[in-house]
Amino acid sequence: ESKFNKIILKRLYLSRTNRPPISVSRLARYMQGKEEKIAVVVGTVTDDVRLFEVPKLTVCALKVTETARKRILAAGGELLT
């Protein structure tokens, strides 16, 4: 068992209130310099209109809002849900 798998399993068992959404802008900030990696989000990825250009991201999430999905795919990114 890897440490990563243990963390993901623990977060999957959390209640919905303990799985807050993450915005595309925060995700882009965290993934800066790690564009070749996959961002794993145990929760919902939401759109953020304050971010003008969404970078190319590969995101694996439980749920993605419709507008966030459009913006990530338009930037050439990939979604794994």
C-alpha atoms as a PDB file:
ATOM      1  CA  GLU A   1       0.000   0.000   0.000  1.00  0.00           C
ATOM      2  CA  SER A   2       1.321   3.398  -0.944  1.00  0.00           C
ATOM      3  CA  LYS A   3       0.845   6.525   1.127  1.00  0.00           C
ATOM      4  CA  PHE A   4      -1.077   8.129  -1.761  1.00  0.00           C
ATOM      5  CA  ASN A   5      -3.628   5.295  -1.885  1.00  0.00           C
ATOM      6  CA  LYS A   6      -4.172   5.465   1.878  1.00  0.00           C
ATOM      7  CA  ILE A   7      -4.844   9.208   1.724  1.00  0.00           C
ATOM      8  CA  ILE A   8      -7.303   8.832  -1.161  1.00  0.00           C
ATOM      9  CA  LEU A   9      -9.141   5.993   0.599  1.00  0.00           C
ATOM     10  CA  LYS A  10      -9.430   8.043   3.787  1.00  0.00           C
ATOM     11  CA  ARG A  11     -10.810  11.034   1.879  1.00  0.00           C
ATOM     12  CA  LEU A  12     -13.324   8.882   0.001  1.00  0.00           C
ATOM     13  CA  TYR A  13     -14.766   7.781   3.340  1.00  0.00           C
ATOM     14  CA  LEU A  14     -15.313  11.396   4.475  1.00  0.00           C
ATOM     15  CA  SER A  15     -18.809  12.823   4.552  1.00  0.00           C
ATOM     16  CA  ARG A  16     -19.901  15.251   1.849  1.00  0.00           C
ATOM     17  CA  THR A  17     -19.480  18.272   4.139  1.00  0.00           C
ATOM     18  CA  ASN A  18     -15.857  17.301   4.674  1.00  0.00           C
ATOM     19  CA  ARG A  19     -15.224  17.123   0.912  1.00  0.00           C
ATOM     20  CA  PRO A  20     -15.323  20.818  -0.052  1.00  0.00           C
ATOM     21  CA  PRO A  21     -15.180  21.829  -3.724  1.00  0.00           C
ATOM     22  CA  ILE A  22     -12.012  23.188  -5.333  1.00  0.00           C
ATOM     23  CA  SER A  23     -12.029  25.884  -8.010  1.00  0.00           C
ATOM     24  CA  VAL A  24     -10.221  25.689 -11.331  1.00  0.00           C
ATOM     25  CA  SER A  25      -8.061  28.679 -10.358  1.00  0.00           C
ATOM     26  CA  ARG A  26      -6.810  27.017  -7.177  1.00  0.00           C
ATOM     27  CA  LEU A  27      -6.207  23.783  -9.067  1.00  0.00           C
ATOM     28  CA  ALA A  28      -4.201  25.693 -11.697  1.00  0.00           C
ATOM     29  CA  ARG A  29      -2.143  27.342  -8.946  1.00  0.00           C
ATOM     30  CA  TYR A  30      -1.365  23.991  -7.276  1.00  0.00           C
ATOM     31  CA  MET A  31      -0.467  22.350 -10.592  1.00  0.00           C
ATOM     32  CA  GLN A  32       1.850  25.129 -11.760  1.00  0.00           C
ATOM     33  CA  GLY A  33       5.089  23.478 -12.882  1.00  0.00           C
ATOM     34  CA  LYS A  34       3.506  19.995 -12.696  1.00  0.00           C
ATOM     35  CA  GLU A  35       1.584  20.037 -15.976  1.00  0.00           C
ATOM     36  CA  GLU A  36       2.590  16.481 -16.912  1.00  0.00           C
ATOM     37  CA  LYS A  37       1.068  15.041 -13.718  1.00  0.00           C
ATOM     38  CA  ILE A  38      -2.545  14.116 -12.972  1.00  0.00           C
ATOM     39  CA  ALA A  39      -4.425  16.168 -10.381  1.00  0.00           C
ATOM     40  CA  VAL A  40      -6.538  13.891  -8.164  1.00  0.00           C
ATOM     41  CA  VAL A  41      -9.418  15.681  -6.432  1.00  0.00           C
ATOM     42  CA  VAL A  42     -11.671  13.874  -3.968  1.00  0.00           C
ATOM     43  CA  GLY A  43     -14.571  16.270  -4.368  1.00  0.00           C
ATOM     44  CA  THR A  44     -16.030  18.640  -6.944  1.00  0.00           C
ATOM     45  CA  VAL A  45     -14.091  20.865  -9.336  1.00  0.00           C
ATOM     46  CA  THR A  46     -15.935  24.154  -9.882  1.00  0.00           C
ATOM     47  CA  ASP A  47     -15.486  26.977 -12.381  1.00  0.00           C
ATOM     48  CA  ASP A  48     -13.910  30.298 -11.425  1.00  0.00           C
ATOM     49  CA  VAL A  49     -14.670  33.254 -13.694  1.00  0.00           C
ATOM     50  CA  ARG A  50     -11.789  35.257 -12.169  1.00  0.00           C
ATOM     51  CA  LEU A  51      -9.327  33.003 -14.014  1.00  0.00           C
ATOM     52  CA  PHE A  52      -9.159  34.200 -17.615  1.00  0.00           C
ATOM     53  CA  GLU A  53      -7.026  31.446 -19.139  1.00  0.00           C
ATOM     54  CA  VAL A  54      -7.216  27.887 -17.879  1.00  0.00           C
ATOM     55  CA  PRO A  55      -3.945  25.981 -18.398  1.00  0.00           C
ATOM     56  CA  LYS A  56      -3.847  22.494 -19.896  1.00  0.00           C
ATOM     57  CA  LEU A  57      -4.627  20.169 -16.972  1.00  0.00           C
ATOM     58  CA  THR A  58      -5.279  16.477 -16.505  1.00  0.00           C
ATOM     59  CA  VAL A  59      -7.811  16.160 -13.686  1.00  0.00           C
ATOM     60  CA  CYS A  60      -9.291  13.110 -11.987  1.00  0.00           C
ATOM     61  CA  ALA A  61     -12.248  14.142  -9.811  1.00  0.00           C
ATOM     62  CA  LEU A  62     -15.444  12.743  -8.350  1.00  0.00           C
ATOM     63  CA  LYS A  63     -17.504  15.471 -10.015  1.00  0.00           C
ATOM     64  CA  VAL A  64     -16.866  18.422 -12.341  1.00  0.00           C
ATOM     65  CA  THR A  65     -19.327  21.240 -12.960  1.00  0.00           C
ATOM     66  CA  GLU A  66     -20.486  21.762 -16.531  1.00  0.00           C
ATOM     67  CA  THR A  67     -18.728  25.112 -17.024  1.00  0.00           C
ATOM     68  CA  ALA A  68     -15.469  23.881 -15.471  1.00  0.00           C
ATOM     69  CA  ARG A  69     -15.604  20.829 -17.755  1.00  0.00           C
ATOM     70  CA  LYS A  70     -16.012  23.045 -20.835  1.00  0.00           C
ATOM     71  CA  ARG A  71     -13.124  25.323 -19.862  1.00  0.00           C
ATOM     72  CA  ILE A  72     -10.694  22.491 -19.055  1.00  0.00           C
ATOM     73  CA  LEU A  73     -11.493  20.646 -22.285  1.00  0.00           C
ATOM     74  CA  ALA A  74     -11.279  23.871 -24.330  1.00  0.00           C
ATOM     75  CA  ALA A  75      -7.770  24.440 -22.982  1.00  0.00           C
ATOM     76  CA  GLY A  76      -6.712  21.024 -24.286  1.00  0.00           C
ATOM     77  CA  GLY A  77      -6.919  19.323 -20.894  1.00  0.00           C
ATOM     78  CA  GLU A  78      -8.310  15.933 -19.992  1.00  0.00           C
ATOM     79  CA  LEU A  79     -10.917  14.864 -17.443  1.00  0.00           C
ATOM     80  CA  LEU A  80     -11.033  11.467 -15.769  1.00  0.00           C
ATOM     81  CA  THR A  81     -14.208  11.038 -13.740  1.00  0.00           C
END
